[in-house]
Amino acid sequence: MYPVQKILLKRLLGEHEKYMLVADDIRRSEAGERGENRLVAKLDELRFSGNFQVFSNVGLVLKDWKVQIDCLIVSDRCCMVIESKNMSGNLYFKEEEFYKEVDGIETPFPNPYFQLTRNIRFMKEFLRNLCPTMKVTGVVIITAKSSRIREKPSHFPIFKLESMMEKIYQMHSNGLSEPVSLVKFEEITSHIEKNLSPYIMPPLCEYYRISPKDLMRGVECPKCGTLGMLRHSTTWKCPSCGKNDRNAHIAAVYEYFQLINNEITNRAFRDFCKIESKYSASRMLNSMKNLKGYGKANKRYFKLK
């Protein structure tokens, strides 16, 4: 998965005050995804005697309550919330505090205990009307191979990836003494599937509080990555490598939606892609099959279908 922040980073000057913050978020996002992939791969070994289903990267909504769960295992005996953290170094859990130590430097982080308990509480409420007797439990898994848990918390379970399977089997065996029926199990998993709600990130300039004026403008060359292709008649030409591409602006429009706003006007399109003719800009926007236009004349704007 391509971290969406990379789109922002390539349009920020290196000396921008938020550049390193965005770069750090990209590294954390990539590390987290690698950890989640290792966790999901490990779960391929899972073998329960009864029915079960594994959901990864789960977004659920209950009225105005939204959660994002790294992994959810639903069996006919219990529901298990798995939160993964891909963190290296020496890890310390002291009451409410959580920090890691590398080369003598301590760095505090949000305690995963609160995320875990919040998500367990959510799942209990989510299943209350459907299966109030279903036991909901959970665990935090540290997926980084080079991590060492120096001080474990006493009030919630946290384990490294290599011991995860035994903990999951233990949680399953401590679930309902009598498993729910196949019909009820399928009702539960179907309810989860129907209510999956992927996380939609706001435009990145809004998220990071960066002024759109701070972004470098221009259409990116699909061959060499140069920003600033030039429009000649009905095609784009890269001044660096000479690449011609009639539709290079399409990627720029999608980037605009991710960076600045979920709707785009002719004027905003011209400004972002460095287009002089509003008539050419109008033709390009109207020809994009994935866009839908709203309004007329100077109030016309486009959104993704």
Protein backbone atom coordinates (compact mmCIF):
# COMPACT_ATOMS: atom_id res chain seq x y z
CA MET A 1 0.00 0.00 0.00
CA TYR A 2 1.31 3.42 -1.00
CA PRO A 3 1.19 5.81 2.02
CA VAL A 4 -0.90 8.75 0.86
CA GLN A 5 1.45 11.13 2.69
CA LYS A 6 4.07 10.50 -0.02
CA ILE A 7 1.89 12.55 -2.36
CA LEU A 8 2.14 15.45 0.05
CA LEU A 9 5.85 15.04 0.69
CA LYS A 10 6.82 15.30 -2.98
CA ARG A 11 5.03 18.66 -3.22
CA LEU A 12 6.54 20.14 -0.05
CA LEU A 13 9.88 21.89 -0.11
CA GLY A 14 12.49 20.17 2.05
CA GLU A 15 12.79 23.20 4.32
CA HIS A 16 9.05 23.32 5.05
CA GLU A 17 8.34 23.24 8.79
CA LYS A 18 6.05 20.17 8.45
CA TYR A 19 8.33 18.20 6.08
CA MET A 20 9.98 16.03 8.76
CA LEU A 21 6.65 15.44 10.52
CA VAL A 22 5.14 14.06 7.31
CA ALA A 23 8.28 12.02 6.58
CA ASP A 24 8.14 10.48 10.08
CA ASP A 25 4.46 9.61 9.60
CA ILE A 26 5.33 7.83 6.35
CA ARG A 27 8.00 5.75 8.10
CA ARG A 28 5.58 4.84 10.91
CA SER A 29 2.84 3.98 8.42
CA GLU A 30 5.14 1.70 6.41
CA ALA A 31 6.49 0.06 9.58
CA GLY A 32 2.96 -0.47 10.91
CA GLU A 33 1.83 -2.06 7.67
CA ARG A 34 4.83 -4.41 7.64
CA GLY A 35 3.97 -5.44 11.19
CA GLU A 36 0.30 -6.02 10.37
CA ASN A 37 1.29 -8.11 7.36
CA ARG A 38 3.49 -10.30 9.57
CA LEU A 39 0.63 -10.66 12.05
CA VAL A 40 -1.92 -11.64 9.37
CA ALA A 41 0.55 -14.12 7.83
CA LYS A 42 1.06 -15.71 11.25
CA LEU A 43 -2.70 -16.10 11.65
CA ASP A 44 -2.73 -18.42 8.62
CA GLU A 45 -1.58 -21.06 11.13
CA LEU A 46 -4.79 -20.66 13.14
CA ARG A 47 -6.77 -23.88 13.52
CA PHE A 48 -9.85 -23.98 15.74
CA SER A 49 -12.11 -27.00 15.99
CA GLY A 50 -15.18 -24.82 15.45
CA ASN A 51 -16.13 -21.97 13.14
CA PHE A 52 -14.04 -18.81 12.99
CA GLN A 53 -13.23 -15.91 10.69
CA VAL A 54 -10.35 -13.40 10.65
CA PHE A 55 -10.89 -9.75 9.71
CA SER A 56 -7.91 -7.44 9.19
CA ASN A 57 -7.82 -3.63 9.20
CA VAL A 58 -11.39 -3.36 10.46
CA GLY A 59 -13.27 -0.06 10.46
CA LEU A 60 -16.64 -0.09 12.22
CA VAL A 61 -19.14 2.60 13.14
CA LEU A 62 -21.85 2.57 15.81
CA LYS A 63 -23.85 5.80 15.50
CA ASP A 64 -21.16 8.47 16.02
CA TRP A 65 -18.65 6.02 17.57
CA LYS A 66 -15.92 5.00 15.12
CA VAL A 67 -13.11 2.51 15.67
CA GLN A 68 -10.25 1.10 13.64
CA ILE A 69 -9.12 -2.39 14.71
CA ASP A 70 -5.92 -3.94 13.37
CA CYS A 71 -7.29 -7.49 13.48
CA LEU A 72 -10.51 -9.09 14.67
CA ILE A 73 -10.92 -12.83 15.17
CA VAL A 74 -14.50 -14.03 15.51
CA SER A 75 -15.06 -17.63 16.56
CA ASP A 76 -18.11 -19.50 17.77
CA ARG A 77 -16.83 -19.09 21.35
CA CYS A 78 -15.51 -15.52 21.55
CA CYS A 79 -14.53 -12.34 19.73
CA MET A 80 -10.84 -11.38 19.96
CA VAL A 81 -9.50 -7.86 19.33
CA ILE A 82 -5.85 -7.87 18.23
CA GLU A 83 -3.90 -4.61 18.26
CA SER A 84 -0.45 -4.69 16.66
CA LYS A 85 2.48 -2.36 17.33
CA ASN A 86 5.61 -2.57 15.19
CA MET A 87 8.06 -0.94 17.59
CA SER A 88 11.72 -1.82 18.05
CA GLY A 89 13.98 -1.14 21.00
CA ASN A 90 13.39 -1.66 24.72
CA LEU A 91 9.71 -1.21 25.63
CA TYR A 92 8.52 -0.18 29.08
CA PHE A 93 4.95 -0.25 30.40
CA LYS A 94 4.49 1.50 33.74
CA GLU A 95 0.90 1.98 34.87
CA GLU A 96 -0.48 4.48 32.35
CA GLU A 97 2.89 5.31 30.78
CA PHE A 98 4.42 3.60 27.77
CA TYR A 99 7.79 4.48 26.28
CA LYS A 100 10.64 2.93 24.37
CA GLU A 101 14.33 3.33 25.00
CA VAL A 102 16.96 3.26 22.25
CA ASP A 103 20.60 4.12 22.95
CA GLY A 104 19.64 5.61 26.31
CA ILE A 105 17.00 7.92 24.84
CA GLU A 106 13.46 7.49 26.15
CA THR A 107 10.57 8.31 23.80
CA PRO A 108 6.98 8.32 25.14
CA PHE A 109 4.08 6.99 23.06
CA PRO A 110 0.31 6.64 23.54
CA ASN A 111 -0.37 3.57 25.67
CA PRO A 112 -1.93 0.81 23.51
CA TYR A 113 -3.90 -0.31 26.58
CA PHE A 114 -6.40 2.49 26.10
CA GLN A 115 -6.88 1.71 22.41
CA LEU A 116 -7.36 -1.98 23.19
CA THR A 117 -9.90 -1.43 25.99
CA ARG A 118 -11.81 1.11 23.91
CA ASN A 119 -12.09 -1.32 21.01
CA ILE A 120 -13.12 -4.20 23.28
CA ARG A 121 -15.81 -1.97 24.79
CA PHE A 122 -16.97 -1.04 21.30
CA MET A 123 -17.28 -4.67 20.18
CA LYS A 124 -19.30 -5.56 23.28
CA GLU A 125 -21.73 -2.78 22.45
CA PHE A 126 -21.69 -3.67 18.75
CA LEU A 127 -22.73 -7.27 19.52
CA ARG A 128 -25.05 -6.48 22.44
CA ASN A 129 -28.35 -6.88 20.57
CA LEU A 130 -27.11 -9.65 18.31
CA CYS A 131 -25.36 -11.94 20.80
CA PRO A 132 -25.18 -10.45 24.32
CA THR A 133 -23.57 -13.58 25.75
CA MET A 134 -20.59 -13.47 23.36
CA LYS A 135 -17.35 -12.93 25.26
CA VAL A 136 -15.13 -10.15 23.88
CA THR A 137 -11.45 -10.13 24.80
CA GLY A 138 -8.19 -8.89 23.29
CA VAL A 139 -4.44 -8.57 23.31
CA VAL A 140 -1.66 -6.23 22.15
CA ILE A 141 0.97 -7.86 19.93
CA ILE A 142 4.43 -6.35 19.38
CA THR A 143 5.38 -7.36 15.83
CA ALA A 144 8.91 -5.92 15.54
CA LYS A 145 11.54 -8.65 15.62
CA SER A 146 14.14 -6.44 17.36
CA SER A 147 11.88 -5.32 20.23
CA ARG A 148 12.30 -6.35 23.87
CA ILE A 149 9.52 -5.92 26.42
CA ARG A 150 11.50 -4.88 29.48
CA GLU A 151 8.54 -4.15 31.75
CA LYS A 152 5.19 -5.78 31.10
CA PRO A 153 1.94 -4.23 32.28
CA SER A 154 0.08 -6.10 34.99
CA HIS A 155 -3.42 -5.07 33.94
CA PHE A 156 -3.58 -6.12 30.27
CA PRO A 157 -2.00 -8.79 28.03
CA ILE A 158 0.86 -7.85 25.74
CA PHE A 159 3.04 -10.35 23.87
CA LYS A 160 5.52 -10.62 21.06
CA LEU A 161 4.51 -12.11 17.72
CA GLU A 162 6.16 -15.48 18.30
CA SER A 163 3.95 -16.19 21.35
CA MET A 164 0.75 -14.78 19.85
CA MET A 165 -0.75 -18.07 18.71
CA GLU A 166 -0.63 -19.68 22.15
CA LYS A 167 -2.31 -16.61 23.66
CA ILE A 168 -5.07 -16.71 21.04
CA TYR A 169 -5.73 -20.40 21.68
CA GLN A 170 -5.88 -19.64 25.40
CA MET A 171 -8.40 -16.80 24.89
CA HIS A 172 -10.50 -19.08 22.68
CA SER A 173 -10.54 -21.88 25.24
CA ASN A 174 -11.65 -19.39 27.90
CA GLY A 175 -14.62 -18.31 25.79
CA LEU A 176 -18.16 -19.65 25.89
CA SER A 177 -18.45 -23.14 27.31
CA GLU A 178 -21.06 -23.93 24.68
CA PRO A 179 -20.32 -22.50 21.20
CA VAL A 180 -22.99 -20.54 19.38
CA SER A 181 -24.75 -22.25 16.49
CA LEU A 182 -23.54 -22.00 12.91
CA VAL A 183 -26.57 -19.83 12.10
CA LYS A 184 -25.72 -17.38 14.90
CA PHE A 185 -22.01 -17.37 13.97
CA GLU A 186 -22.86 -16.52 10.35
CA GLU A 187 -25.26 -13.84 11.57
CA ILE A 188 -22.46 -12.23 13.59
CA THR A 189 -19.86 -12.30 10.79
CA SER A 190 -22.42 -11.06 8.27
CA HIS A 191 -23.31 -8.18 10.61
CA ILE A 192 -19.64 -7.20 10.79
CA GLU A 193 -19.17 -7.41 7.01
CA LYS A 194 -22.26 -5.29 6.33
CA ASN A 195 -21.07 -2.58 8.71
CA LEU A 196 -17.45 -2.35 7.61
CA SER A 197 -16.59 1.32 7.16
CA PRO A 198 -13.10 2.07 5.80
CA TYR A 199 -11.31 5.04 7.32
CA ILE A 200 -11.48 8.07 5.04
CA MET A 201 -8.66 10.49 5.67
CA PRO A 202 -9.45 14.21 5.32
CA PRO A 203 -7.47 16.21 2.73
CA LEU A 204 -3.87 16.17 3.91
CA CYS A 205 -3.46 19.94 3.99
CA GLU A 206 -6.38 20.04 6.42
CA TYR A 207 -5.04 17.09 8.42
CA TYR A 208 -1.53 18.55 8.81
CA ARG A 209 -2.70 22.19 8.88
CA ILE A 210 -0.61 23.09 5.87
CA SER A 211 -1.64 25.96 3.61
CA PRO A 212 -2.34 24.76 0.04
CA LYS A 213 -0.24 27.76 -1.04
CA ASP A 214 2.82 25.92 0.34
CA LEU A 215 2.46 23.11 -2.21
CA MET A 216 4.50 22.95 -5.41
CA ARG A 217 2.21 23.13 -8.43
CA GLY A 218 2.37 21.27 -11.71
CA VAL A 219 1.63 17.96 -13.43
CA GLU A 220 4.05 15.15 -12.62
CA CYS A 221 5.83 13.32 -15.40
CA PRO A 222 4.85 9.62 -15.22
CA LYS A 223 8.30 8.64 -16.50
CA CYS A 224 10.86 10.69 -14.55
CA GLY A 225 8.73 12.22 -11.77
CA THR A 226 9.45 15.85 -12.65
CA LEU A 227 6.78 18.30 -11.53
CA GLY A 228 5.94 20.84 -14.20
CA MET A 229 4.99 19.16 -17.48
CA LEU A 230 4.09 21.67 -20.18
CA ARG A 231 0.80 21.68 -22.08
CA HIS A 232 1.20 21.65 -25.87
CA SER A 233 -2.07 21.54 -27.84
CA THR A 234 -3.74 18.32 -26.63
CA THR A 235 -0.82 16.68 -24.81
CA TRP A 236 1.61 17.16 -21.94
CA LYS A 237 5.36 17.19 -22.48
CA CYS A 238 8.04 16.80 -19.81
CA PRO A 239 10.78 19.46 -20.09
CA SER A 240 13.27 17.10 -18.41
CA CYS A 241 12.95 13.77 -20.28
CA GLY A 242 10.74 14.71 -23.24
CA LYS A 243 7.96 12.26 -22.31
CA ASN A 244 4.57 12.97 -23.98
CA ASP A 245 1.34 12.00 -22.25
CA ARG A 246 -2.18 13.13 -23.14
CA ASN A 247 -3.65 12.19 -19.76
CA ALA A 248 -0.93 13.13 -17.28
CA HIS A 249 -3.27 15.67 -15.63
CA ILE A 250 -5.62 12.90 -14.41
CA ALA A 251 -3.21 11.82 -11.66
CA ALA A 252 -2.80 15.47 -10.63
CA VAL A 253 -6.57 15.85 -10.19
CA TYR A 254 -6.66 12.80 -7.91
CA GLU A 255 -3.77 14.28 -5.93
CA TYR A 256 -5.68 17.54 -5.60
CA PHE A 257 -8.58 15.65 -4.00
CA GLN A 258 -6.23 13.93 -1.55
CA LEU A 259 -4.29 17.06 -0.71
CA ILE A 260 -6.63 20.05 -0.82
CA ASN A 261 -10.36 19.44 -1.33
CA ASN A 262 -12.85 16.78 -2.40
CA GLU A 263 -14.17 19.06 -5.15
CA ILE A 264 -12.33 21.01 -7.82
CA THR A 265 -13.25 24.04 -9.92
CA ASN A 266 -11.89 25.10 -13.29
CA ARG A 267 -9.87 27.86 -11.62
CA ALA A 268 -8.43 25.51 -8.97
CA PHE A 269 -7.56 22.95 -11.66
CA ARG A 270 -5.73 25.58 -13.71
CA ASP A 271 -3.86 26.84 -10.69
CA PHE A 272 -2.81 23.36 -9.50
CA CYS A 273 -1.76 22.05 -12.91
CA LYS A 274 -0.44 25.35 -14.32
CA ILE A 275 -2.90 25.58 -17.20
CA GLU A 276 -3.49 28.94 -18.87
CA SER A 277 -6.64 28.29 -20.94
CA LYS A 278 -9.88 27.89 -19.02
CA TYR A 279 -11.42 26.34 -22.15
CA SER A 280 -8.75 23.62 -22.31
CA ALA A 281 -9.18 23.05 -18.59
CA SER A 282 -12.94 22.70 -19.04
CA ARG A 283 -12.49 20.11 -21.80
CA MET A 284 -10.07 18.08 -19.69
CA LEU A 285 -12.31 18.07 -16.63
CA ASN A 286 -15.43 17.18 -18.61
CA SER A 287 -13.61 14.32 -20.36
CA MET A 288 -12.62 12.60 -17.10
CA LYS A 289 -14.99 9.65 -16.78
CA ASN A 290 -14.63 9.33 -13.01
CA LEU A 291 -15.72 12.93 -12.38
CA LYS A 292 -19.21 14.31 -12.10
CA GLY A 293 -19.94 17.99 -12.67
CA TYR A 294 -22.28 20.12 -10.56
CA GLY A 295 -23.59 23.65 -11.07
CA LYS A 296 -23.26 25.91 -14.07
CA ALA A 297 -21.02 28.64 -15.46
CA ASN A 298 -18.70 30.19 -12.84
CA LYS A 299 -20.18 28.05 -10.05
CA ARG A 300 -19.44 24.73 -11.74
CA TYR A 301 -17.31 22.21 -9.84
CA PHE A 302 -16.40 18.53 -10.12
CA LYS A 303 -16.25 15.63 -7.64
CA LEU A 304 -15.32 11.97 -7.88
CA LYS A 305 -18.31 9.80 -8.78
